[in-house]
């Protein structure tokens, strides 16, 4: 899976819309859409948050990390 699909897969695993995912990262929905089409940021604060979210989801796929009230546990 390429990085573009990884962003979308992570967002879908969390059960979030693009807007909710953007809120959790402090970016606009259109930025999330851009990342899903063209790839995620390669550096900076958003990259670090994405990496952290990925690690937490990978470690516990049946639950979501505590990023605001957007999280819905997956069964």
C-alpha atoms as a PDB file:
ATOM      1  CA  UNK A   1       0.000   0.000   0.000  1.00  0.00           C
ATOM      2  CA  UNK A   2       1.420   3.418  -0.884  1.00  0.00           C
ATOM      3  CA  UNK A   3       1.531   6.319   1.566  1.00  0.00           C
ATOM      4  CA  UNK A   4      -1.471   8.042  -0.028  1.00  0.00           C
ATOM      5  CA  UNK A   5      -3.608   4.990   0.680  1.00  0.00           C
ATOM      6  CA  UNK A   6      -2.088   4.678   4.166  1.00  0.00           C
ATOM      7  CA  UNK A   7      -3.526   8.067   5.144  1.00  0.00           C
ATOM      8  CA  UNK A   8      -6.980   7.109   3.907  1.00  0.00           C
ATOM      9  CA  UNK A   9      -6.739   3.649   5.501  1.00  0.00           C
ATOM     10  CA  UNK A  10      -5.716   5.170   8.847  1.00  0.00           C
ATOM     11  CA  UNK A  11      -8.580   7.662   8.694  1.00  0.00           C
ATOM     12  CA  UNK A  12     -11.077   4.930   7.803  1.00  0.00           C
ATOM     13  CA  UNK A  13      -9.724   2.647  10.566  1.00  0.00           C
ATOM     14  CA  UNK A  14     -10.417   5.432  13.028  1.00  0.00           C
ATOM     15  CA  UNK A  15     -13.907   5.871  11.589  1.00  0.00           C
ATOM     16  CA  UNK A  16     -13.309   9.564  10.919  1.00  0.00           C
ATOM     17  CA  UNK A  17     -14.349  11.827   8.077  1.00  0.00           C
ATOM     18  CA  UNK A  18     -11.709  13.929   6.351  1.00  0.00           C
ATOM     19  CA  UNK A  19     -12.921  16.916   8.388  1.00  0.00           C
ATOM     20  CA  UNK A  20     -12.618  15.024  11.692  1.00  0.00           C
ATOM     21  CA  UNK A  21      -9.170  13.740  10.753  1.00  0.00           C
ATOM     22  CA  UNK A  22      -8.133  17.267   9.834  1.00  0.00           C
ATOM     23  CA  UNK A  23      -9.457  18.614  13.139  1.00  0.00           C
ATOM     24  CA  UNK A  24      -7.378  16.047  15.039  1.00  0.00           C
ATOM     25  CA  UNK A  25      -4.277  17.143  13.123  1.00  0.00           C
ATOM     26  CA  UNK A  26      -5.025  20.852  13.150  1.00  0.00           C
ATOM     27  CA  UNK A  27      -5.435  21.086   9.373  1.00  0.00           C
ATOM     28  CA  UNK A  28      -8.336  21.741   7.024  1.00  0.00           C
ATOM     29  CA  UNK A  29     -10.372  18.977   5.379  1.00  0.00           C
ATOM     30  CA  UNK A  30      -8.989  20.043   2.007  1.00  0.00           C
ATOM     31  CA  UNK A  31      -5.465  19.340   3.281  1.00  0.00           C
ATOM     32  CA  UNK A  32      -6.464  15.798   4.242  1.00  0.00           C
ATOM     33  CA  UNK A  33      -7.982  15.351   0.789  1.00  0.00           C
ATOM     34  CA  UNK A  34      -4.748  16.590  -0.788  1.00  0.00           C
ATOM     35  CA  UNK A  35      -2.693  14.156   1.319  1.00  0.00           C
ATOM     36  CA  UNK A  36      -4.930  11.274   0.290  1.00  0.00           C
ATOM     37  CA  UNK A  37      -4.421  12.166  -3.381  1.00  0.00           C
ATOM     38  CA  UNK A  38      -0.776  13.278  -3.398  1.00  0.00           C
ATOM     39  CA  UNK A  39       0.798  11.836  -0.251  1.00  0.00           C
ATOM     40  CA  UNK A  40       1.268  12.993   3.327  1.00  0.00           C
ATOM     41  CA  UNK A  41       3.658  15.685   4.505  1.00  0.00           C
ATOM     42  CA  UNK A  42       7.261  14.481   4.638  1.00  0.00           C
ATOM     43  CA  UNK A  43       8.250  16.564   7.644  1.00  0.00           C
ATOM     44  CA  UNK A  44       6.904  18.949  10.238  1.00  0.00           C
ATOM     45  CA  UNK A  45       4.378  18.713  13.060  1.00  0.00           C
ATOM     46  CA  UNK A  46       1.648  17.022  11.011  1.00  0.00           C
ATOM     47  CA  UNK A  47       4.102  14.283   9.946  1.00  0.00           C
ATOM     48  CA  UNK A  48       5.003  13.603  13.588  1.00  0.00           C
ATOM     49  CA  UNK A  49       1.347  13.410  14.603  1.00  0.00           C
ATOM     50  CA  UNK A  50       0.551  11.073  11.695  1.00  0.00           C
ATOM     51  CA  UNK A  51       3.442   8.823  12.678  1.00  0.00           C
ATOM     52  CA  UNK A  52       2.239   8.765  16.274  1.00  0.00           C
ATOM     53  CA  UNK A  53      -1.333   7.956  15.249  1.00  0.00           C
ATOM     54  CA  UNK A  54      -0.135   5.138  13.000  1.00  0.00           C
ATOM     55  CA  UNK A  55       1.940   3.603  15.784  1.00  0.00           C
ATOM     56  CA  UNK A  56      -0.958   3.712  18.237  1.00  0.00           C
ATOM     57  CA  UNK A  57      -3.457   2.217  15.791  1.00  0.00           C
ATOM     58  CA  UNK A  58      -0.969  -0.503  14.805  1.00  0.00           C
ATOM     59  CA  UNK A  59      -0.377  -1.337  18.466  1.00  0.00           C
ATOM     60  CA  UNK A  60      -4.075  -1.634  19.277  1.00  0.00           C
ATOM     61  CA  UNK A  61      -6.227  -2.129  16.176  1.00  0.00           C
ATOM     62  CA  UNK A  62      -9.415  -2.765  18.139  1.00  0.00           C
ATOM     63  CA  UNK A  63      -9.393   0.683  19.727  1.00  0.00           C
ATOM     64  CA  UNK A  64      -8.617   4.206  18.645  1.00  0.00           C
ATOM     65  CA  UNK A  65      -6.058   6.546  20.184  1.00  0.00           C
ATOM     66  CA  UNK A  66      -7.413   9.312  22.377  1.00  0.00           C
ATOM     67  CA  UNK A  67      -7.484  12.173  19.873  1.00  0.00           C
ATOM     68  CA  UNK A  68     -10.503  14.247  20.817  1.00  0.00           C
ATOM     69  CA  UNK A  69     -14.101  13.095  20.755  1.00  0.00           C
ATOM     70  CA  UNK A  70     -14.006  11.910  17.125  1.00  0.00           C
ATOM     71  CA  UNK A  71     -12.930   8.375  17.926  1.00  0.00           C
ATOM     72  CA  UNK A  72     -15.197   5.400  17.432  1.00  0.00           C
ATOM     73  CA  UNK A  73     -13.927   2.000  18.574  1.00  0.00           C
ATOM     74  CA  UNK A  74     -13.771  -0.522  15.753  1.00  0.00           C
ATOM     75  CA  UNK A  75     -15.015  -4.057  16.341  1.00  0.00           C
END
